[in-house]
Amino acid sequence: MLFKLYDFVGVTMIEYLVFFVLLGILIASNLVIAVLDYRKQTRRDIPPKQKRRNFIKNIFLGSFDLFISFWP
């Protein structure tokens, strides 16, 4: 049923796979950037609560940016 929907829309299986590979790369890079920023904050004297809050904010903003970039 899923493949019939994509056949109806006109998306080939290759385009479908390329989209999800690129989406996975973008999500992984978002996570890597957030972790690197968290490690950078660990070197400074920032309270753990603030570090956690900044990490969650970075994940949220990266996800929002990803959502906006794929919005039609």
C-alpha atoms as a PDB file:
ATOM      1  CA  MET A   1       0.000   0.000   0.000  1.00  0.00           C
ATOM      2  CA  LEU A   2       2.852   2.387   0.807  1.00  0.00           C
ATOM      3  CA  PHE A   3       4.481   1.721  -2.552  1.00  0.00           C
ATOM      4  CA  LYS A   4       1.193   2.286  -4.387  1.00  0.00           C
ATOM      5  CA  LEU A   5       0.880   5.688  -2.709  1.00  0.00           C
ATOM      6  CA  TYR A   6       4.349   6.665  -3.877  1.00  0.00           C
ATOM      7  CA  ASP A   7       3.640   5.354  -7.365  1.00  0.00           C
ATOM      8  CA  PHE A   8       0.536   7.546  -7.424  1.00  0.00           C
ATOM      9  CA  VAL A   9       2.500  10.614  -6.345  1.00  0.00           C
ATOM     10  CA  GLY A  10       5.191   9.877  -8.913  1.00  0.00           C
ATOM     11  CA  VAL A  11       8.111   9.295  -6.556  1.00  0.00           C
ATOM     12  CA  THR A  12      10.366   6.409  -7.475  1.00  0.00           C
ATOM     13  CA  MET A  13      11.880   4.056  -4.937  1.00  0.00           C
ATOM     14  CA  ILE A  14      15.351   5.539  -5.529  1.00  0.00           C
ATOM     15  CA  GLU A  15      14.100   9.052  -4.729  1.00  0.00           C
ATOM     16  CA  TYR A  16      12.388   7.667  -1.635  1.00  0.00           C
ATOM     17  CA  LEU A  17      15.634   6.053  -0.415  1.00  0.00           C
ATOM     18  CA  VAL A  18      17.749   9.120  -1.222  1.00  0.00           C
ATOM     19  CA  PHE A  19      15.341  11.309   0.750  1.00  0.00           C
ATOM     20  CA  PHE A  20      15.584   9.106   3.838  1.00  0.00           C
ATOM     21  CA  VAL A  21      19.369   8.795   3.581  1.00  0.00           C
ATOM     22  CA  LEU A  22      19.692  12.587   3.436  1.00  0.00           C
ATOM     23  CA  LEU A  23      17.210  12.958   6.282  1.00  0.00           C
ATOM     24  CA  GLY A  24      19.256  10.516   8.382  1.00  0.00           C
ATOM     25  CA  ILE A  25      22.455  12.426   7.657  1.00  0.00           C
ATOM     26  CA  LEU A  26      20.838  15.718   8.658  1.00  0.00           C
ATOM     27  CA  ILE A  27      19.451  14.271  11.894  1.00  0.00           C
ATOM     28  CA  ALA A  28      22.817  12.701  12.750  1.00  0.00           C
ATOM     29  CA  SER A  29      24.659  15.956  12.084  1.00  0.00           C
ATOM     30  CA  ASN A  30      22.142  17.807  14.273  1.00  0.00           C
ATOM     31  CA  LEU A  31      22.844  15.378  17.108  1.00  0.00           C
ATOM     32  CA  VAL A  32      26.622  15.627  16.634  1.00  0.00           C
ATOM     33  CA  ILE A  33      26.494  19.431  16.750  1.00  0.00           C
ATOM     34  CA  ALA A  34      24.409  19.345  19.942  1.00  0.00           C
ATOM     35  CA  VAL A  35      26.801  16.853  21.589  1.00  0.00           C
ATOM     36  CA  LEU A  36      29.860  18.916  20.597  1.00  0.00           C
ATOM     37  CA  ASP A  37      28.254  22.028  22.064  1.00  0.00           C
ATOM     38  CA  TYR A  38      27.468  20.072  25.243  1.00  0.00           C
ATOM     39  CA  ARG A  39      31.104  18.955  25.508  1.00  0.00           C
ATOM     40  CA  LYS A  40      32.273  22.538  24.956  1.00  0.00           C
ATOM     41  CA  GLN A  41      30.020  23.652  27.814  1.00  0.00           C
ATOM     42  CA  THR A  42      31.447  20.890  30.020  1.00  0.00           C
ATOM     43  CA  ARG A  43      34.864  22.548  29.833  1.00  0.00           C
ATOM     44  CA  ARG A  44      33.368  25.766  31.180  1.00  0.00           C
ATOM     45  CA  ASP A  45      31.937  26.081  34.666  1.00  0.00           C
ATOM     46  CA  ILE A  46      28.260  25.867  33.760  1.00  0.00           C
ATOM     47  CA  PRO A  47      25.814  24.157  36.133  1.00  0.00           C
ATOM     48  CA  PRO A  48      24.536  20.743  34.949  1.00  0.00           C
ATOM     49  CA  LYS A  49      20.948  22.001  34.796  1.00  0.00           C
ATOM     50  CA  GLN A  50      21.950  24.789  32.425  1.00  0.00           C
ATOM     51  CA  LYS A  51      23.994  22.392  30.271  1.00  0.00           C
ATOM     52  CA  ARG A  52      21.014  20.030  29.993  1.00  0.00           C
ATOM     53  CA  ARG A  53      18.698  22.928  29.156  1.00  0.00           C
ATOM     54  CA  ASN A  54      21.072  24.165  26.447  1.00  0.00           C
ATOM     55  CA  PHE A  55      21.406  20.638  25.007  1.00  0.00           C
ATOM     56  CA  ILE A  56      17.626  20.213  24.788  1.00  0.00           C
ATOM     57  CA  LYS A  57      17.316  23.690  23.263  1.00  0.00           C
ATOM     58  CA  ASN A  58      19.945  22.821  20.626  1.00  0.00           C
ATOM     59  CA  ILE A  59      18.148  19.581  19.745  1.00  0.00           C
ATOM     60  CA  PHE A  60      14.802  21.404  19.524  1.00  0.00           C
ATOM     61  CA  LEU A  61      16.166  24.246  17.390  1.00  0.00           C
ATOM     62  CA  GLY A  62      17.955  21.808  15.088  1.00  0.00           C
ATOM     63  CA  SER A  63      14.778  19.752  14.685  1.00  0.00           C
ATOM     64  CA  PHE A  64      12.754  22.897  14.030  1.00  0.00           C
ATOM     65  CA  ASP A  65      15.295  24.032  11.440  1.00  0.00           C
ATOM     66  CA  LEU A  66      15.128  20.606   9.799  1.00  0.00           C
ATOM     67  CA  PHE A  67      11.321  20.763   9.744  1.00  0.00           C
ATOM     68  CA  ILE A  68      11.317  24.250   8.228  1.00  0.00           C
ATOM     69  CA  SER A  69      13.856  23.296   5.560  1.00  0.00           C
ATOM     70  CA  PHE A  70      11.653  20.407   4.352  1.00  0.00           C
ATOM     71  CA  TRP A  71       8.394  22.387   4.533  1.00  0.00           C
ATOM     72  CA  PRO A  72       6.918  22.793   1.026  1.00  0.00           C
END
